[in-house]
Amino acid sequence: MAIISSKEMLIKAYNEKYAVGAFNVNNMEIIQGIMDAALQERSPLILQVSAGARKYAKPAYLMKLVEAAIEDTGLDVCLHLDHGENFEICAACVDDGFSSVMIDGSSLSFEHNIAETKKVVEYAHERGVSVEAELGTLAGIEDAVSVSEKDAKFTDPDQAAEFVERTGVDSLAIAIGTSHGAYKFKGEPKLDFERLEKITKLLPGFPIVLHGSSSVPEEFVTLCNQYGGKIPGAKGVPEEMLAKASKMGVAKINIDTDLRLAMTASIRKVLTEKPDVFDPRVYLKEGREAIKNMVAHKMRDVLGSSGRL
């Protein structure tokens, strides 16, 4: 039981046509819920930390929580930096004990993105840490990442192949229609599977990553709104589309918004139905259980990762 690299984990997922869930973590209850689900489902998993999570919980606390989770469950876990904005942050996380980092140069020019990514790859690989990069730009908002719909750009397949060859990255996040946040689609949800197929043909055996892949389950949105929330018109990526992508070379699928919705909906319900409750353990316990059930469902019914350990 240890913090392990994502490299072998994602290659196995690619070869066996399933995806590893990469779940964003911010506190103890979220980590416990995810880990309990992985233990129940015997599923590989990636716990990932964003810039917002590092600012909120502090790196030392997050690292110790992950170490405790590994000790408690006996599971190997990949600890991943999500959307590292520069070399310095990626290097700091490598030095802190992360086993995987993402350098997000998607807002840079193609050549600048390559240069920044190569720098991170050299530093991380020397220390046994895997590297994810991004090519193409997703719309939406997630922590420090904010991109307008007009600035979003789908990944060019030929550029993707050149990028991987020149940088030596271990996985690549691409843009094919997903987006960050709870409001992913205004109309009918659609992913560009033709573009994904072109990319995977040019990069045979290479793990592809989808960011912004929460499904925004209607049950949680309804529950939030029923108990005082205001989340109108939220719409995510249909789970059947994610299941299809996992069989087409997508080996890592990022999920964050669904965790937030599950926890918030459950807590709102408790506080509304039991206004005398003021013990955080009571409502956080319900939030933790909701996360466990939702993550187990993703592993079992969407990602296909159950029983892979």
C-alpha atoms as a PDB file:
ATOM      1  CA  MET A   1       0.000   0.000   0.000  1.00  0.00           C
ATOM      2  CA  ALA A   2       1.576   3.220  -1.212  1.00  0.00           C
ATOM      3  CA  ILE A   3       1.251   6.388  -3.246  1.00  0.00           C
ATOM      4  CA  ILE A   4       1.929   5.134  -6.773  1.00  0.00           C
ATOM      5  CA  SER A   5       2.467   6.584 -10.230  1.00  0.00           C
ATOM      6  CA  SER A   6      -0.434   6.736 -12.657  1.00  0.00           C
ATOM      7  CA  LYS A   7       1.633   5.481 -15.604  1.00  0.00           C
ATOM      8  CA  GLU A   8       1.123   1.717 -15.270  1.00  0.00           C
ATOM      9  CA  MET A   9      -2.396   2.256 -13.907  1.00  0.00           C
ATOM     10  CA  LEU A  10      -3.495   4.144 -17.030  1.00  0.00           C
ATOM     11  CA  ILE A  11      -1.758   1.832 -19.484  1.00  0.00           C
ATOM     12  CA  LYS A  12      -3.603  -1.113 -17.906  1.00  0.00           C
ATOM     13  CA  ALA A  13      -6.899   0.798 -18.141  1.00  0.00           C
ATOM     14  CA  TYR A  14      -6.226   1.615 -21.804  1.00  0.00           C
ATOM     15  CA  ASN A  15      -5.413  -1.994 -22.678  1.00  0.00           C
ATOM     16  CA  GLU A  16      -8.429  -3.392 -20.836  1.00  0.00           C
ATOM     17  CA  LYS A  17     -10.804  -0.677 -22.107  1.00  0.00           C
ATOM     18  CA  TYR A  18     -11.927   0.984 -18.904  1.00  0.00           C
ATOM     19  CA  ALA A  19     -11.165   4.327 -17.281  1.00  0.00           C
ATOM     20  CA  VAL A  20      -9.715   5.221 -13.896  1.00  0.00           C
ATOM     21  CA  GLY A  21     -11.737   7.824 -12.025  1.00  0.00           C
ATOM     22  CA  ALA A  22      -9.750  10.874 -10.926  1.00  0.00           C
ATOM     23  CA  PHE A  23     -11.675  12.445  -8.063  1.00  0.00           C
ATOM     24  CA  ASN A  24     -10.915  15.890  -6.653  1.00  0.00           C
ATOM     25  CA  VAL A  25     -10.444  16.031  -2.881  1.00  0.00           C
ATOM     26  CA  ASN A  26     -10.693  18.925  -0.444  1.00  0.00           C
ATOM     27  CA  ASN A  27     -11.238  17.492   3.039  1.00  0.00           C
ATOM     28  CA  MET A  28     -11.323  14.339   5.158  1.00  0.00           C
ATOM     29  CA  GLU A  29     -14.922  13.327   4.461  1.00  0.00           C
ATOM     30  CA  ILE A  30     -14.502  13.536   0.690  1.00  0.00           C
ATOM     31  CA  ILE A  31     -11.341  11.412   0.831  1.00  0.00           C
ATOM     32  CA  GLN A  32     -13.014   8.861   3.116  1.00  0.00           C
ATOM     33  CA  GLY A  33     -16.075   8.558   0.879  1.00  0.00           C
ATOM     34  CA  ILE A  34     -13.976   8.009  -2.246  1.00  0.00           C
ATOM     35  CA  MET A  35     -11.656   5.525  -0.558  1.00  0.00           C
ATOM     36  CA  ASP A  36     -14.555   3.548   0.943  1.00  0.00           C
ATOM     37  CA  ALA A  37     -16.071   3.261  -2.529  1.00  0.00           C
ATOM     38  CA  ALA A  38     -12.785   2.099  -4.057  1.00  0.00           C
ATOM     39  CA  LEU A  39     -12.338  -0.489  -1.311  1.00  0.00           C
ATOM     40  CA  GLN A  40     -15.877  -1.766  -1.806  1.00  0.00           C
ATOM     41  CA  GLU A  41     -15.532  -1.925  -5.589  1.00  0.00           C
ATOM     42  CA  ARG A  42     -11.890  -3.072  -5.650  1.00  0.00           C
ATOM     43  CA  SER A  43     -11.194  -0.282  -8.076  1.00  0.00           C
ATOM     44  CA  PRO A  44      -8.002   1.610  -8.897  1.00  0.00           C
ATOM     45  CA  LEU A  45      -8.325   5.333  -8.327  1.00  0.00           C
ATOM     46  CA  ILE A  46      -6.633   8.695  -8.523  1.00  0.00           C
ATOM     47  CA  LEU A  47      -7.079  11.327  -5.847  1.00  0.00           C
ATOM     48  CA  GLN A  48      -6.358  14.720  -7.315  1.00  0.00           C
ATOM     49  CA  VAL A  49      -5.697  18.078  -5.746  1.00  0.00           C
ATOM     50  CA  SER A  50      -6.377  21.417  -7.427  1.00  0.00           C
ATOM     51  CA  ALA A  51      -4.860  24.806  -6.695  1.00  0.00           C
ATOM     52  CA  GLY A  52      -8.051  25.687  -4.826  1.00  0.00           C
ATOM     53  CA  ALA A  53      -7.791  22.565  -2.670  1.00  0.00           C
ATOM     54  CA  ARG A  54      -4.161  23.307  -1.808  1.00  0.00           C
ATOM     55  CA  LYS A  55      -5.126  26.819  -0.775  1.00  0.00           C
ATOM     56  CA  TYR A  56      -8.160  25.670   1.225  1.00  0.00           C
ATOM     57  CA  ALA A  57      -6.826  22.625   3.078  1.00  0.00           C
ATOM     58  CA  LYS A  58      -3.053  23.308   2.867  1.00  0.00           C
ATOM     59  CA  PRO A  59      -0.689  20.796   1.224  1.00  0.00           C
ATOM     60  CA  ALA A  60       0.572  19.255   4.485  1.00  0.00           C
ATOM     61  CA  TYR A  61      -2.941  18.388   5.661  1.00  0.00           C
ATOM     62  CA  LEU A  62      -3.936  16.887   2.310  1.00  0.00           C
ATOM     63  CA  MET A  63      -0.802  14.764   2.161  1.00  0.00           C
ATOM     64  CA  LYS A  64      -1.350  13.381   5.663  1.00  0.00           C
ATOM     65  CA  LEU A  65      -5.026  12.678   4.946  1.00  0.00           C
ATOM     66  CA  VAL A  66      -4.090  10.687   1.849  1.00  0.00           C
ATOM     67  CA  GLU A  67      -1.428   8.781   3.776  1.00  0.00           C
ATOM     68  CA  ALA A  68      -4.005   7.989   6.469  1.00  0.00           C
ATOM     69  CA  ALA A  69      -6.489   6.811   3.845  1.00  0.00           C
ATOM     70  CA  ILE A  70      -3.924   4.437   2.369  1.00  0.00           C
ATOM     71  CA  GLU A  71      -3.075   3.070   5.813  1.00  0.00           C
ATOM     72  CA  ASP A  72      -6.751   2.650   6.677  1.00  0.00           C
ATOM     73  CA  THR A  73      -7.822   0.854   3.484  1.00  0.00           C
ATOM     74  CA  GLY A  74      -4.645  -0.882   2.358  1.00  0.00           C
ATOM     75  CA  LEU A  75      -5.171   0.466  -1.176  1.00  0.00           C
ATOM     76  CA  ASP A  76      -2.521   1.877  -3.470  1.00  0.00           C
ATOM     77  CA  VAL A  77      -3.440   5.390  -4.590  1.00  0.00           C
ATOM     78  CA  CYS A  78      -2.154   7.801  -7.187  1.00  0.00           C
ATOM     79  CA  LEU A  79      -1.941  11.334  -5.780  1.00  0.00           C
ATOM     80  CA  HIS A  80      -2.202  13.788  -8.651  1.00  0.00           C
ATOM     81  CA  LEU A  81      -1.855  17.553  -9.035  1.00  0.00           C
ATOM     82  CA  ASP A  82      -4.764  18.851 -11.117  1.00  0.00           C
ATOM     83  CA  HIS A  83      -4.128  21.883 -13.365  1.00  0.00           C
ATOM     84  CA  GLY A  84      -0.646  22.860 -12.259  1.00  0.00           C
ATOM     85  CA  GLU A  85      -0.268  26.323 -13.701  1.00  0.00           C
ATOM     86  CA  ASN A  86       3.535  26.431 -13.927  1.00  0.00           C
ATOM     87  CA  PHE A  87       6.750  24.492 -13.442  1.00  0.00           C
ATOM     88  CA  GLU A  88       7.259  25.778  -9.890  1.00  0.00           C
ATOM     89  CA  ILE A  89       3.940  24.392  -8.598  1.00  0.00           C
ATOM     90  CA  CYS A  90       4.499  21.055 -10.348  1.00  0.00           C
ATOM     91  CA  ALA A  91       8.022  20.770  -8.921  1.00  0.00           C
ATOM     92  CA  ALA A  92       6.793  21.648  -5.417  1.00  0.00           C
ATOM     93  CA  CYS A  93       4.178  18.881  -5.567  1.00  0.00           C
ATOM     94  CA  VAL A  94       6.744  16.385  -6.835  1.00  0.00           C
ATOM     95  CA  ASP A  95       8.972  17.321  -3.903  1.00  0.00           C
ATOM     96  CA  ASP A  96       6.017  17.012  -1.490  1.00  0.00           C
ATOM     97  CA  GLY A  97       5.413  13.401  -2.488  1.00  0.00           C
ATOM     98  CA  PHE A  98       2.817  13.561  -5.268  1.00  0.00           C
ATOM     99  CA  SER A  99       3.126  10.632  -7.670  1.00  0.00           C
ATOM    100  CA  SER A 100       1.622  12.420 -10.670  1.00  0.00           C
ATOM    101  CA  VAL A 101       1.373  16.042 -11.779  1.00  0.00           C
ATOM    102  CA  MET A 102      -0.443  17.900 -14.519  1.00  0.00           C
ATOM    103  CA  ILE A 103       1.147  20.876 -16.204  1.00  0.00           C
ATOM    104  CA  ASP A 104      -1.626  22.916 -17.797  1.00  0.00           C
ATOM    105  CA  GLY A 105      -0.127  24.931 -20.629  1.00  0.00           C
ATOM    106  CA  SER A 106      -3.323  24.832 -22.675  1.00  0.00           C
ATOM    107  CA  SER A 107      -3.637  28.621 -22.648  1.00  0.00           C
ATOM    108  CA  LEU A 108      -0.123  29.015 -24.083  1.00  0.00           C
ATOM    109  CA  SER A 109       1.009  28.866 -27.687  1.00  0.00           C
ATOM    110  CA  PHE A 110       1.736  25.385 -29.009  1.00  0.00           C
ATOM    111  CA  GLU A 111       5.508  25.841 -28.844  1.00  0.00           C
ATOM    112  CA  HIS A 112       5.411  27.460 -25.398  1.00  0.00           C
ATOM    113  CA  ASN A 113       3.188  24.641 -24.113  1.00  0.00           C
ATOM    114  CA  ILE A 114       5.709  22.105 -25.410  1.00  0.00           C
ATOM    115  CA  ALA A 115       8.620  23.909 -23.768  1.00  0.00           C
ATOM    116  CA  GLU A 116       6.898  24.171 -20.369  1.00  0.00           C
ATOM    117  CA  THR A 117       5.714  20.584 -20.502  1.00  0.00           C
ATOM    118  CA  LYS A 118       9.165  19.230 -21.400  1.00  0.00           C
ATOM    119  CA  LYS A 119      10.630  21.075 -18.417  1.00  0.00           C
ATOM    120  CA  VAL A 120       8.132  19.439 -16.044  1.00  0.00           C
ATOM    121  CA  VAL A 121       8.561  16.012 -17.666  1.00  0.00           C
ATOM    122  CA  GLU A 122      12.332  16.100 -17.197  1.00  0.00           C
ATOM    123  CA  TYR A 123      12.042  17.091 -13.537  1.00  0.00           C
ATOM    124  CA  ALA A 124       9.244  14.640 -12.703  1.00  0.00           C
ATOM    125  CA  HIS A 125      10.550  11.611 -14.585  1.00  0.00           C
ATOM    126  CA  GLU A 126      13.927  11.885 -12.861  1.00  0.00           C
ATOM    127  CA  ARG A 127      11.997  11.389  -9.602  1.00  0.00           C
ATOM    128  CA  GLY A 128       9.669   8.622 -10.765  1.00  0.00           C
ATOM    129  CA  VAL A 129       6.608  10.870 -11.104  1.00  0.00           C
ATOM    130  CA  SER A 130       4.232  10.681 -14.082  1.00  0.00           C
ATOM    131  CA  VAL A 131       3.117  13.756 -16.019  1.00  0.00           C
ATOM    132  CA  GLU A 132      -0.161  14.748 -17.655  1.00  0.00           C
ATOM    133  CA  ALA A 133      -0.427  17.714 -20.001  1.00  0.00           C
ATOM    134  CA  GLU A 134      -3.296  19.405 -21.824  1.00  0.00           C
ATOM    135  CA  LEU A 135      -3.789  20.399 -25.441  1.00  0.00           C
ATOM    136  CA  GLY A 136      -6.953  22.232 -26.404  1.00  0.00           C
ATOM    137  CA  THR A 137      -8.982  24.395 -24.057  1.00  0.00           C
ATOM    138  CA  LEU A 138     -12.139  23.439 -22.139  1.00  0.00           C
ATOM    139  CA  ALA A 139     -14.825  26.003 -21.422  1.00  0.00           C
ATOM    140  CA  GLY A 140     -16.208  26.471 -17.923  1.00  0.00           C
ATOM    141  CA  ILE A 141     -15.033  27.280 -14.405  1.00  0.00           C
ATOM    142  CA  GLU A 142     -13.198  25.091 -11.897  1.00  0.00           C
ATOM    143  CA  ASP A 143     -11.252  26.686  -9.042  1.00  0.00           C
ATOM    144  CA  ALA A 144      -8.545  28.841 -10.683  1.00  0.00           C
ATOM    145  CA  VAL A 145      -9.452  27.693 -14.211  1.00  0.00           C
ATOM    146  CA  SER A 146     -11.916  29.948 -16.033  1.00  0.00           C
ATOM    147  CA  VAL A 147     -12.432  29.854 -19.801  1.00  0.00           C
ATOM    148  CA  SER A 148     -15.284  31.466 -21.711  1.00  0.00           C
ATOM    149  CA  GLU A 149     -17.185  29.457 -24.310  1.00  0.00           C
ATOM    150  CA  LYS A 150     -15.823  31.599 -27.135  1.00  0.00           C
ATOM    151  CA  ASP A 151     -12.241  30.919 -26.021  1.00  0.00           C
ATOM    152  CA  ALA A 152     -12.674  27.139 -25.842  1.00  0.00           C
ATOM    153  CA  LYS A 153     -10.783  25.207 -28.512  1.00  0.00           C
ATOM    154  CA  PHE A 154     -10.976  21.540 -29.493  1.00  0.00           C
ATOM    155  CA  THR A 155      -7.758  19.515 -29.694  1.00  0.00           C
ATOM    156  CA  ASP A 156      -6.155  19.139 -33.118  1.00  0.00           C
ATOM    157  CA  PRO A 157      -5.305  15.429 -33.661  1.00  0.00           C
ATOM    158  CA  ASP A 158      -2.078  16.070 -35.586  1.00  0.00           C
ATOM    159  CA  GLN A 159      -0.886  18.529 -32.965  1.00  0.00           C
ATOM    160  CA  ALA A 160      -1.693  16.000 -30.244  1.00  0.00           C
ATOM    161  CA  ALA A 161       0.561  13.385 -31.850  1.00  0.00           C
ATOM    162  CA  GLU A 162       3.393  15.884 -32.304  1.00  0.00           C
ATOM    163  CA  PHE A 163       2.969  17.184 -28.761  1.00  0.00           C
ATOM    164  CA  VAL A 164       3.271  13.729 -27.184  1.00  0.00           C
ATOM    165  CA  GLU A 165       6.301  12.828 -29.280  1.00  0.00           C
ATOM    166  CA  ARG A 166       8.163  16.050 -28.481  1.00  0.00           C
ATOM    167  CA  THR A 167       7.351  16.250 -24.760  1.00  0.00           C
ATOM    168  CA  GLY A 168       7.434  12.636 -23.552  1.00  0.00           C
ATOM    169  CA  VAL A 169       4.308  13.066 -21.389  1.00  0.00           C
ATOM    170  CA  ASP A 170       2.602   9.998 -19.927  1.00  0.00           C
ATOM    171  CA  SER A 171      -0.992  11.080 -20.644  1.00  0.00           C
ATOM    172  CA  LEU A 172      -2.758  13.904 -22.459  1.00  0.00           C
ATOM    173  CA  ALA A 173      -5.950  15.765 -21.596  1.00  0.00           C
ATOM    174  CA  ILE A 174      -7.868  16.678 -24.737  1.00  0.00           C
ATOM    175  CA  ALA A 175     -10.841  18.888 -25.541  1.00  0.00           C
ATOM    176  CA  ILE A 176     -13.697  17.150 -27.377  1.00  0.00           C
ATOM    177  CA  GLY A 177     -16.711  18.907 -25.881  1.00  0.00           C
ATOM    178  CA  THR A 178     -16.586  18.443 -22.110  1.00  0.00           C
ATOM    179  CA  SER A 179     -16.300  21.510 -19.869  1.00  0.00           C
ATOM    180  CA  HIS A 180     -15.653  22.412 -16.265  1.00  0.00           C
ATOM    181  CA  GLY A 181     -18.409  23.171 -13.767  1.00  0.00           C
ATOM    182  CA  ALA A 182     -22.099  22.290 -13.503  1.00  0.00           C
ATOM    183  CA  TYR A 183     -23.256  24.069 -16.673  1.00  0.00           C
ATOM    184  CA  LYS A 184     -21.590  22.107 -19.450  1.00  0.00           C
ATOM    185  CA  PHE A 185     -24.211  22.271 -22.201  1.00  0.00           C
ATOM    186  CA  LYS A 186     -26.872  24.785 -23.193  1.00  0.00           C
ATOM    187  CA  GLY A 187     -28.477  22.444 -25.688  1.00  0.00           C
ATOM    188  CA  GLU A 188     -28.138  18.764 -26.436  1.00  0.00           C
ATOM    189  CA  PRO A 189     -24.984  17.230 -24.894  1.00  0.00           C
ATOM    190  CA  LYS A 190     -22.496  16.162 -27.555  1.00  0.00           C
ATOM    191  CA  LEU A 191     -18.914  14.885 -27.558  1.00  0.00           C
ATOM    192  CA  ASP A 192     -16.753  14.762 -30.679  1.00  0.00           C
ATOM    193  CA  PHE A 193     -16.075  11.024 -30.798  1.00  0.00           C
ATOM    194  CA  GLU A 194     -14.796  11.286 -34.358  1.00  0.00           C
ATOM    195  CA  ARG A 195     -12.044  13.614 -33.139  1.00  0.00           C
ATOM    196  CA  LEU A 196     -11.265  11.244 -30.248  1.00  0.00           C
ATOM    197  CA  GLU A 197     -10.977   8.344 -32.673  1.00  0.00           C
ATOM    198  CA  LYS A 198      -8.549  10.293 -34.867  1.00  0.00           C
ATOM    199  CA  ILE A 199      -6.387  11.148 -31.861  1.00  0.00           C
ATOM    200  CA  THR A 200      -6.266   7.584 -30.583  1.00  0.00           C
ATOM    201  CA  LYS A 201      -5.353   6.262 -34.030  1.00  0.00           C
ATOM    202  CA  LEU A 202      -2.422   8.675 -34.163  1.00  0.00           C
ATOM    203  CA  LEU A 203      -1.443   7.752 -30.587  1.00  0.00           C
ATOM    204  CA  PRO A 204      -1.977   3.983 -30.320  1.00  0.00           C
ATOM    205  CA  GLY A 205      -1.605   2.649 -26.784  1.00  0.00           C
ATOM    206  CA  PHE A 206      -1.354   6.131 -25.301  1.00  0.00           C
ATOM    207  CA  PRO A 207      -3.704   7.094 -22.407  1.00  0.00           C
ATOM    208  CA  ILE A 208      -6.076   9.981 -23.098  1.00  0.00           C
ATOM    209  CA  VAL A 209      -7.669  12.060 -20.326  1.00  0.00           C
ATOM    210  CA  LEU A 210     -11.048  13.799 -20.190  1.00  0.00           C
ATOM    211  CA  HIS A 211     -11.439  16.765 -17.874  1.00  0.00           C
ATOM    212  CA  GLY A 212     -14.789  18.335 -17.015  1.00  0.00           C
ATOM    213  CA  SER A 213     -16.536  14.975 -17.054  1.00  0.00           C
ATOM    214  CA  SER A 214     -19.029  15.196 -14.223  1.00  0.00           C
ATOM    215  CA  SER A 215     -22.511  14.079 -15.201  1.00  0.00           C
ATOM    216  CA  VAL A 216     -24.278  16.554 -12.893  1.00  0.00           C
ATOM    217  CA  PRO A 217     -26.884  13.963 -11.777  1.00  0.00           C
ATOM    218  CA  GLU A 218     -30.387  15.385 -11.845  1.00  0.00           C
ATOM    219  CA  GLU A 219     -31.190  13.754  -8.513  1.00  0.00           C
ATOM    220  CA  PHE A 220     -28.561  15.837  -6.712  1.00  0.00           C
ATOM    221  CA  VAL A 221     -29.475  19.056  -8.512  1.00  0.00           C
ATOM    222  CA  THR A 222     -33.138  18.489  -7.640  1.00  0.00           C
ATOM    223  CA  LEU A 223     -32.280  17.697  -4.030  1.00  0.00           C
ATOM    224  CA  CYS A 224     -30.142  20.832  -3.721  1.00  0.00           C
ATOM    225  CA  ASN A 225     -32.890  23.000  -5.152  1.00  0.00           C
ATOM    226  CA  GLN A 226     -35.568  21.284  -3.050  1.00  0.00           C
ATOM    227  CA  TYR A 227     -33.733  22.234   0.120  1.00  0.00           C
ATOM    228  CA  GLY A 228     -32.939  25.849  -0.640  1.00  0.00           C
ATOM    229  CA  GLY A 229     -30.311  25.668  -3.354  1.00  0.00           C
ATOM    230  CA  LYS A 230     -30.324  27.678  -6.578  1.00  0.00           C
ATOM    231  CA  ILE A 231     -28.781  25.619  -9.367  1.00  0.00           C
ATOM    232  CA  PRO A 232     -31.017  26.208 -12.387  1.00  0.00           C
ATOM    233  CA  GLY A 233     -30.337  24.575 -15.744  1.00  0.00           C
ATOM    234  CA  ALA A 234     -27.294  22.557 -14.700  1.00  0.00           C
ATOM    235  CA  LYS A 235     -26.388  19.890 -17.251  1.00  0.00           C
ATOM    236  CA  GLY A 236     -23.440  17.485 -17.392  1.00  0.00           C
ATOM    237  CA  VAL A 237     -21.947  14.814 -19.625  1.00  0.00           C
ATOM    238  CA  PRO A 238     -24.316  11.830 -20.008  1.00  0.00           C
ATOM    239  CA  GLU A 239     -22.844   8.754 -18.371  1.00  0.00           C
ATOM    240  CA  GLU A 240     -23.321   6.616 -21.474  1.00  0.00           C
ATOM    241  CA  MET A 241     -20.994   8.992 -23.359  1.00  0.00           C
ATOM    242  CA  LEU A 242     -18.316   8.594 -20.686  1.00  0.00           C
ATOM    243  CA  ALA A 243     -18.711   4.815 -20.787  1.00  0.00           C
ATOM    244  CA  LYS A 244     -18.230   4.919 -24.560  1.00  0.00           C
ATOM    245  CA  ALA A 245     -15.136   7.129 -24.265  1.00  0.00           C
ATOM    246  CA  SER A 246     -13.590   4.726 -21.754  1.00  0.00           C
ATOM    247  CA  LYS A 247     -13.577   2.037 -24.444  1.00  0.00           C
ATOM    248  CA  MET A 248     -11.965   4.365 -27.013  1.00  0.00           C
ATOM    249  CA  GLY A 249      -8.629   5.145 -25.394  1.00  0.00           C
ATOM    250  CA  VAL A 250      -9.758   7.447 -22.592  1.00  0.00           C
ATOM    251  CA  ALA A 251      -8.038   5.937 -19.542  1.00  0.00           C
ATOM    252  CA  LYS A 252      -8.577   8.735 -16.989  1.00  0.00           C
ATOM    253  CA  ILE A 253     -11.824  10.612 -16.403  1.00  0.00           C
ATOM    254  CA  ASN A 254     -11.914  13.600 -14.031  1.00  0.00           C
ATOM    255  CA  ILE A 255     -14.874  14.060 -11.698  1.00  0.00           C
ATOM    256  CA  ASP A 256     -15.296  16.976  -9.296  1.00  0.00           C
ATOM    257  CA  THR A 257     -18.668  18.724  -9.639  1.00  0.00           C
ATOM    258  CA  ASP A 258     -20.594  15.511  -8.932  1.00  0.00           C
ATOM    259  CA  LEU A 259     -18.760  15.166  -5.607  1.00  0.00           C
ATOM    260  CA  ARG A 260     -19.701  18.714  -4.643  1.00  0.00           C
ATOM    261  CA  LEU A 261     -23.326  18.207  -5.596  1.00  0.00           C
ATOM    262  CA  ALA A 262     -23.652  14.892  -3.746  1.00  0.00           C
ATOM    263  CA  MET A 263     -22.194  16.289  -0.537  1.00  0.00           C
ATOM    264  CA  THR A 264     -24.045  19.601  -0.658  1.00  0.00           C
ATOM    265  CA  ALA A 265     -27.420  18.040  -1.456  1.00  0.00           C
ATOM    266  CA  SER A 266     -27.114  15.599   1.440  1.00  0.00           C
ATOM    267  CA  ILE A 267     -26.040  18.266   3.911  1.00  0.00           C
ATOM    268  CA  ARG A 268     -28.829  20.632   2.836  1.00  0.00           C
ATOM    269  CA  LYS A 269     -31.369  17.861   3.355  1.00  0.00           C
ATOM    270  CA  VAL A 270     -30.165  17.112   6.892  1.00  0.00           C
ATOM    271  CA  LEU A 271     -30.021  20.744   7.970  1.00  0.00           C
ATOM    272  CA  THR A 272     -33.480  21.473   6.569  1.00  0.00           C
ATOM    273  CA  GLU A 273     -35.231  18.384   7.901  1.00  0.00           C
ATOM    274  CA  LYS A 274     -33.443  18.494  11.266  1.00  0.00           C
ATOM    275  CA  PRO A 275     -33.025  22.187  12.146  1.00  0.00           C
ATOM    276  CA  ASP A 276     -31.972  21.277  15.676  1.00  0.00           C
ATOM    277  CA  VAL A 277     -28.801  19.577  14.387  1.00  0.00           C
ATOM    278  CA  PHE A 278     -25.621  21.570  14.896  1.00  0.00           C
ATOM    279  CA  ASP A 279     -23.101  18.743  15.242  1.00  0.00           C
ATOM    280  CA  PRO A 280     -20.969  18.750  12.046  1.00  0.00           C
ATOM    281  CA  ARG A 281     -20.413  15.015  12.415  1.00  0.00           C
ATOM    282  CA  VAL A 282     -24.104  14.384  11.806  1.00  0.00           C
ATOM    283  CA  TYR A 283     -24.427  16.193   8.481  1.00  0.00           C
ATOM    284  CA  LEU A 284     -20.884  15.512   7.254  1.00  0.00           C
ATOM    285  CA  LYS A 285     -21.472  11.797   7.805  1.00  0.00           C
ATOM    286  CA  GLU A 286     -24.425  11.976   5.410  1.00  0.00           C
ATOM    287  CA  GLY A 287     -22.302  13.863   2.891  1.00  0.00           C
ATOM    288  CA  ARG A 288     -19.560  11.253   3.132  1.00  0.00           C
ATOM    289  CA  GLU A 289     -22.031   8.431   2.545  1.00  0.00           C
ATOM    290  CA  ALA A 290     -23.512  10.196  -0.480  1.00  0.00           C
ATOM    291  CA  ILE A 291     -20.049  10.561  -1.988  1.00  0.00           C
ATOM    292  CA  LYS A 292     -19.277   6.892  -1.358  1.00  0.00           C
ATOM    293  CA  ASN A 293     -22.460   5.742  -3.097  1.00  0.00           C
ATOM    294  CA  MET A 294     -22.010   8.096  -6.040  1.00  0.00           C
ATOM    295  CA  VAL A 295     -18.335   7.178  -6.582  1.00  0.00           C
ATOM    296  CA  ALA A 296     -19.111   3.452  -6.311  1.00  0.00           C
ATOM    297  CA  HIS A 297     -21.771   3.903  -8.993  1.00  0.00           C
ATOM    298  CA  LYS A 298     -19.284   5.687 -11.268  1.00  0.00           C
ATOM    299  CA  MET A 299     -16.681   2.937 -10.842  1.00  0.00           C
ATOM    300  CA  ARG A 300     -19.156   0.118 -11.312  1.00  0.00           C
ATOM    301  CA  ASP A 301     -21.592   1.394 -13.932  1.00  0.00           C
ATOM    302  CA  VAL A 302     -19.762   4.119 -15.882  1.00  0.00           C
ATOM    303  CA  LEU A 303     -15.985   3.760 -15.786  1.00  0.00           C
ATOM    304  CA  GLY A 304     -15.865  -0.027 -15.752  1.00  0.00           C
ATOM    305  CA  SER A 305     -13.082  -0.005 -13.148  1.00  0.00           C
ATOM    306  CA  SER A 306     -14.737  -2.207 -10.497  1.00  0.00           C
ATOM    307  CA  GLY A 307     -12.943  -5.445  -9.751  1.00  0.00           C
ATOM    308  CA  ARG A 308      -9.734  -4.398 -11.505  1.00  0.00           C
ATOM    309  CA  LEU A 309      -7.499  -4.716  -8.432  1.00  0.00           C
END
